[in-house]
Amino acid sequence: MSKKGFESELARKIVSYYLRNPEAADTLEGIARWRLMEEEIHHAVTRVQEALKWLVESGLLIRTTNAASPPLFSLNRHKRAEATQFLLGRRAGTGKQDTSKRDS
């Protein structure tokens, strides 16, 4: 196998899954259908968690908790204008484009 094959993103995802689940064993189709989907979900949850944390810390979203369910996230209605500016890529209060890098 070429060096590129060993370093591919897909190969990394497979290895990552098996490192987190060292007792796992599956067929080619099982890995393709379920394991890689699970790996994608794992990474997506991590990215979404980081984004939600930032949005709550910035005040754009509100995190509500209770003992009966997982936390819920909602728009902070008092920050609606700031949220709109965020979507437009502008820094709050300046009207200038925000050129800082953000996850999308």
N, C-alpha and C. Protein backbone atom coordinates (compact mmCIF):
# COMPACT_ATOMS: atom_id res chain seq x y z
N MET A 1 0.85 -1.18 0.00
CA MET A 1 0.00 0.00 0.00
C MET A 1 0.89 1.24 0.00
N SER A 2 0.48 2.26 -0.70
CA SER A 2 1.27 3.48 -0.79
C SER A 2 1.23 4.24 0.53
N LYS A 3 2.21 5.12 0.70
CA LYS A 3 2.26 5.95 1.90
C LYS A 3 0.98 6.78 2.01
N LYS A 4 0.50 7.27 0.87
CA LYS A 4 -0.72 8.08 0.86
C LYS A 4 -1.89 7.29 1.44
N GLY A 5 -2.00 6.00 1.11
CA GLY A 5 -3.07 5.16 1.63
C GLY A 5 -3.05 5.04 3.14
N PHE A 6 -1.87 4.94 3.72
CA PHE A 6 -1.76 4.82 5.17
C PHE A 6 -2.11 6.13 5.86
N GLU A 7 -1.90 7.24 5.20
CA GLU A 7 -2.13 8.53 5.82
C GLU A 7 -3.47 9.16 5.46
N SER A 8 -4.26 8.45 4.69
CA SER A 8 -5.53 9.03 4.26
C SER A 8 -6.45 9.30 5.44
N GLU A 9 -7.34 10.25 5.27
CA GLU A 9 -8.29 10.60 6.32
C GLU A 9 -9.17 9.40 6.67
N LEU A 10 -9.55 8.62 5.68
CA LEU A 10 -10.38 7.45 5.93
C LEU A 10 -9.64 6.44 6.81
N ALA A 11 -8.37 6.19 6.49
CA ALA A 11 -7.58 5.26 7.30
C ALA A 11 -7.45 5.77 8.73
N ARG A 12 -7.27 7.07 8.89
CA ARG A 12 -7.17 7.65 10.23
C ARG A 12 -8.48 7.46 11.01
N LYS A 13 -9.60 7.62 10.33
CA LYS A 13 -10.89 7.43 10.99
C LYS A 13 -11.08 5.99 11.45
N ILE A 14 -10.66 5.06 10.62
CA ILE A 14 -10.77 3.64 10.98
C ILE A 14 -9.91 3.35 12.20
N VAL A 15 -8.67 3.82 12.18
CA VAL A 15 -7.77 3.59 13.32
C VAL A 15 -8.30 4.27 14.57
N SER A 16 -8.83 5.47 14.43
CA SER A 16 -9.39 6.19 15.57
C SER A 16 -10.53 5.40 16.21
N TYR A 17 -11.39 4.84 15.37
CA TYR A 17 -12.49 4.03 15.89
C TYR A 17 -11.96 2.85 16.69
N TYR A 18 -10.99 2.12 16.12
CA TYR A 18 -10.46 0.94 16.80
C TYR A 18 -9.66 1.29 18.05
N LEU A 19 -9.04 2.44 18.10
CA LEU A 19 -8.35 2.86 19.32
C LEU A 19 -9.36 3.14 20.44
N ARG A 20 -10.51 3.72 20.08
CA ARG A 20 -11.54 3.98 21.07
C ARG A 20 -12.33 2.74 21.44
N ASN A 21 -12.32 1.74 20.55
CA ASN A 21 -13.08 0.49 20.74
C ASN A 21 -12.17 -0.70 20.45
N PRO A 22 -11.16 -0.95 21.28
CA PRO A 22 -10.16 -1.98 20.96
C PRO A 22 -10.70 -3.41 20.88
N GLU A 23 -11.87 -3.66 21.41
CA GLU A 23 -12.46 -5.01 21.35
C GLU A 23 -13.32 -5.21 20.11
N ALA A 24 -13.50 -4.17 19.31
CA ALA A 24 -14.38 -4.24 18.14
C ALA A 24 -13.78 -5.10 17.03
N ALA A 25 -14.64 -5.75 16.28
CA ALA A 25 -14.26 -6.49 15.08
C ALA A 25 -15.45 -6.45 14.14
N ASP A 26 -15.20 -6.24 12.85
CA ASP A 26 -16.31 -6.13 11.92
C ASP A 26 -15.84 -6.45 10.51
N THR A 27 -16.80 -6.65 9.61
CA THR A 27 -16.52 -6.92 8.20
C THR A 27 -16.29 -5.60 7.47
N LEU A 28 -15.85 -5.70 6.23
CA LEU A 28 -15.69 -4.52 5.39
C LEU A 28 -16.98 -3.73 5.31
N GLU A 29 -18.10 -4.42 5.01
CA GLU A 29 -19.38 -3.73 4.91
C GLU A 29 -19.82 -3.13 6.24
N GLY A 30 -19.57 -3.84 7.33
CA GLY A 30 -19.93 -3.32 8.65
C GLY A 30 -19.16 -2.06 8.97
N ILE A 31 -17.89 -2.07 8.66
CA ILE A 31 -17.07 -0.88 8.91
C ILE A 31 -17.56 0.28 8.05
N ALA A 32 -17.81 0.01 6.79
CA ALA A 32 -18.24 1.07 5.88
C ALA A 32 -19.60 1.63 6.27
N ARG A 33 -20.51 0.77 6.67
CA ARG A 33 -21.87 1.23 6.94
C ARG A 33 -22.06 1.82 8.32
N TRP A 34 -21.51 1.19 9.35
CA TRP A 34 -21.83 1.59 10.71
C TRP A 34 -20.67 2.25 11.44
N ARG A 35 -19.51 1.63 11.38
CA ARG A 35 -18.39 2.13 12.16
C ARG A 35 -17.95 3.52 11.72
N LEU A 36 -17.85 3.74 10.42
CA LEU A 36 -17.41 5.05 9.95
C LEU A 36 -18.48 6.11 10.20
N MET A 37 -19.74 5.72 10.10
CA MET A 37 -20.82 6.65 10.41
C MET A 37 -20.73 7.04 11.89
N GLU A 38 -20.49 6.06 12.74
CA GLU A 38 -20.35 6.33 14.17
C GLU A 38 -19.17 7.25 14.44
N GLU A 39 -18.07 7.03 13.73
CA GLU A 39 -16.89 7.87 13.87
C GLU A 39 -17.20 9.30 13.45
N GLU A 40 -17.91 9.48 12.34
CA GLU A 40 -18.30 10.81 11.89
C GLU A 40 -19.19 11.50 12.93
N ILE A 41 -20.13 10.75 13.48
CA ILE A 41 -21.02 11.31 14.49
C ILE A 41 -20.22 11.73 15.72
N HIS A 42 -19.27 10.89 16.14
CA HIS A 42 -18.44 11.21 17.30
C HIS A 42 -17.72 12.54 17.10
N HIS A 43 -17.12 12.73 15.93
CA HIS A 43 -16.41 13.97 15.64
C HIS A 43 -17.37 15.15 15.51
N ALA A 44 -18.52 14.92 14.91
CA ALA A 44 -19.51 16.00 14.75
C ALA A 44 -20.02 16.46 16.11
N VAL A 45 -20.28 15.53 17.01
CA VAL A 45 -20.77 15.88 18.35
C VAL A 45 -19.72 16.73 19.07
N THR A 46 -18.46 16.37 18.94
CA THR A 46 -17.39 17.14 19.57
C THR A 46 -17.35 18.55 19.02
N ARG A 47 -17.43 18.71 17.69
CA ARG A 47 -17.40 20.04 17.08
C ARG A 47 -18.62 20.87 17.47
N VAL A 48 -19.80 20.23 17.49
CA VAL A 48 -21.02 20.94 17.86
C VAL A 48 -20.95 21.35 19.33
N GLN A 49 -20.44 20.49 20.19
CA GLN A 49 -20.30 20.81 21.60
C GLN A 49 -19.41 22.05 21.79
N GLU A 50 -18.29 22.11 21.07
CA GLU A 50 -17.40 23.26 21.16
C GLU A 50 -18.09 24.53 20.67
N ALA A 51 -18.83 24.42 19.57
CA ALA A 51 -19.53 25.59 19.02
C ALA A 51 -20.61 26.06 19.99
N LEU A 52 -21.38 25.14 20.56
CA LEU A 52 -22.41 25.52 21.52
C LEU A 52 -21.81 26.19 22.75
N LYS A 53 -20.70 25.67 23.23
CA LYS A 53 -20.03 26.27 24.39
C LYS A 53 -19.67 27.72 24.08
N TRP A 54 -19.10 27.95 22.91
CA TRP A 54 -18.71 29.31 22.52
C TRP A 54 -19.94 30.21 22.39
N LEU A 55 -21.00 29.71 21.77
CA LEU A 55 -22.21 30.51 21.59
C LEU A 55 -22.87 30.86 22.91
N VAL A 56 -22.84 29.95 23.88
CA VAL A 56 -23.40 30.23 25.20
C VAL A 56 -22.51 31.25 25.92
N GLU A 57 -21.19 31.04 25.86
CA GLU A 57 -20.26 31.97 26.50
C GLU A 57 -20.36 33.38 25.90
N SER A 58 -20.63 33.45 24.61
CA SER A 58 -20.75 34.76 23.95
C SER A 58 -22.12 35.40 24.20
N GLY A 59 -23.05 34.62 24.74
CA GLY A 59 -24.37 35.15 25.06
C GLY A 59 -25.38 35.05 23.94
N LEU A 60 -24.99 34.50 22.79
CA LEU A 60 -25.93 34.38 21.69
C LEU A 60 -26.98 33.31 21.93
N LEU A 61 -26.60 32.26 22.63
CA LEU A 61 -27.53 31.19 22.98
C LEU A 61 -27.65 31.10 24.50
N ILE A 62 -28.76 30.56 24.93
CA ILE A 62 -29.00 30.30 26.35
C ILE A 62 -29.08 28.79 26.55
N ARG A 63 -28.39 28.30 27.56
CA ARG A 63 -28.42 26.87 27.92
C ARG A 63 -29.32 26.72 29.13
N THR A 64 -30.37 25.90 28.98
CA THR A 64 -31.33 25.67 30.06
C THR A 64 -31.22 24.22 30.50
N THR A 65 -31.12 24.02 31.81
CA THR A 65 -31.01 22.65 32.33
C THR A 65 -32.12 22.36 33.32
N ASN A 66 -32.46 21.07 33.40
CA ASN A 66 -33.34 20.57 34.46
C ASN A 66 -33.00 19.11 34.67
N ALA A 67 -33.45 18.57 35.76
CA ALA A 67 -33.09 17.20 36.13
C ALA A 67 -33.71 16.15 35.21
N ALA A 68 -34.78 16.49 34.52
CA ALA A 68 -35.53 15.49 33.75
C ALA A 68 -35.04 15.30 32.31
N SER A 69 -34.18 16.21 31.80
CA SER A 69 -33.77 16.08 30.40
C SER A 69 -32.37 16.66 30.21
N PRO A 70 -31.78 16.36 29.07
CA PRO A 70 -30.48 16.97 28.75
C PRO A 70 -30.64 18.48 28.57
N PRO A 71 -29.54 19.23 28.61
CA PRO A 71 -29.63 20.68 28.42
C PRO A 71 -30.28 21.03 27.08
N LEU A 72 -31.03 22.12 27.09
CA LEU A 72 -31.64 22.66 25.87
C LEU A 72 -30.97 23.99 25.55
N PHE A 73 -30.84 24.29 24.26
CA PHE A 73 -30.22 25.52 23.80
C PHE A 73 -31.24 26.32 23.01
N SER A 74 -31.26 27.63 23.26
CA SER A 74 -32.19 28.49 22.54
C SER A 74 -31.53 29.84 22.30
N LEU A 75 -32.11 30.58 21.37
CA LEU A 75 -31.60 31.91 21.04
C LEU A 75 -31.83 32.85 22.22
N ASN A 76 -30.83 33.65 22.54
CA ASN A 76 -30.98 34.72 23.52
C ASN A 76 -31.65 35.88 22.79
N ARG A 77 -32.92 36.09 23.03
CA ARG A 77 -33.69 37.09 22.29
C ARG A 77 -33.14 38.51 22.49
N HIS A 78 -32.46 38.73 23.60
CA HIS A 78 -31.87 40.05 23.86
C HIS A 78 -30.63 40.28 23.00
N LYS A 79 -30.11 39.22 22.38
CA LYS A 79 -28.92 39.33 21.54
C LYS A 79 -29.24 39.05 20.08
N ARG A 80 -30.49 39.23 19.70
CA ARG A 80 -30.93 38.93 18.33
C ARG A 80 -30.14 39.73 17.29
N ALA A 81 -29.96 41.01 17.52
CA ALA A 81 -29.22 41.86 16.57
C ALA A 81 -27.76 41.39 16.47
N GLU A 82 -27.17 41.08 17.61
CA GLU A 82 -25.79 40.60 17.61
C GLU A 82 -25.69 39.26 16.88
N ALA A 83 -26.69 38.40 17.04
CA ALA A 83 -26.70 37.12 16.34
C ALA A 83 -26.80 37.33 14.83
N THR A 84 -27.60 38.29 14.42
CA THR A 84 -27.72 38.62 13.00
C THR A 84 -26.38 39.11 12.46
N GLN A 85 -25.72 39.98 13.20
CA GLN A 85 -24.40 40.48 12.79
C GLN A 85 -23.40 39.33 12.70
N PHE A 86 -23.47 38.39 13.63
CA PHE A 86 -22.59 37.22 13.60
C PHE A 86 -22.80 36.45 12.29
N LEU A 87 -24.05 36.25 11.91
CA LEU A 87 -24.34 35.54 10.66
C LEU A 87 -23.82 36.28 9.44
N LEU A 88 -23.85 37.58 9.50
CA LEU A 88 -23.37 38.40 8.39
C LEU A 88 -21.85 38.50 8.37
N GLY A 89 -21.20 37.96 9.40
CA GLY A 89 -19.74 37.98 9.45
C GLY A 89 -19.16 39.30 9.90
N ARG A 90 -19.95 40.05 10.64
CA ARG A 90 -19.48 41.36 11.12
C ARG A 90 -19.24 41.30 12.62
N ARG A 91 -18.28 42.04 13.05
CA ARG A 91 -18.03 42.16 14.48
C ARG A 91 -19.11 43.04 15.08
N ALA A 92 -19.54 42.67 16.25
CA ALA A 92 -20.62 43.42 16.91
C ALA A 92 -20.21 44.86 17.13
N GLY A 93 -21.11 45.77 16.74
CA GLY A 93 -20.93 47.17 17.01
C GLY A 93 -20.04 47.92 16.04
N THR A 94 -19.34 47.24 15.11
CA THR A 94 -18.42 47.95 14.22
C THR A 94 -18.94 48.09 12.82
N GLY A 95 -19.78 47.14 12.38
CA GLY A 95 -20.24 47.15 11.00
C GLY A 95 -19.18 46.67 10.03
N LYS A 96 -17.99 46.33 10.53
CA LYS A 96 -16.90 45.85 9.67
C LYS A 96 -16.93 44.34 9.58
N GLN A 97 -16.49 43.84 8.42
CA GLN A 97 -16.40 42.40 8.24
C GLN A 97 -15.44 41.81 9.25
N ASP A 98 -15.82 40.67 9.83
CA ASP A 98 -14.95 39.94 10.75
C ASP A 98 -14.13 38.98 9.91
N THR A 99 -12.84 39.17 9.87
CA THR A 99 -11.97 38.31 9.07
C THR A 99 -11.36 37.19 9.86
N SER A 100 -11.74 37.07 11.13
CA SER A 100 -11.21 35.96 11.94
C SER A 100 -11.81 34.66 11.45
N LYS A 101 -11.06 33.57 11.63
CA LYS A 101 -11.50 32.26 11.16
C LYS A 101 -12.49 31.66 12.15
N ARG A 102 -13.62 31.14 11.63
CA ARG A 102 -14.64 30.48 12.44
C ARG A 102 -14.98 29.15 11.81
N ASP A 103 -15.38 28.17 12.65
CA ASP A 103 -15.91 26.89 12.14
C ASP A 103 -17.29 27.17 11.56
N SER A 104 -17.61 26.46 10.49
CA SER A 104 -18.95 26.62 9.92
C SER A 104 -19.76 25.38 10.10
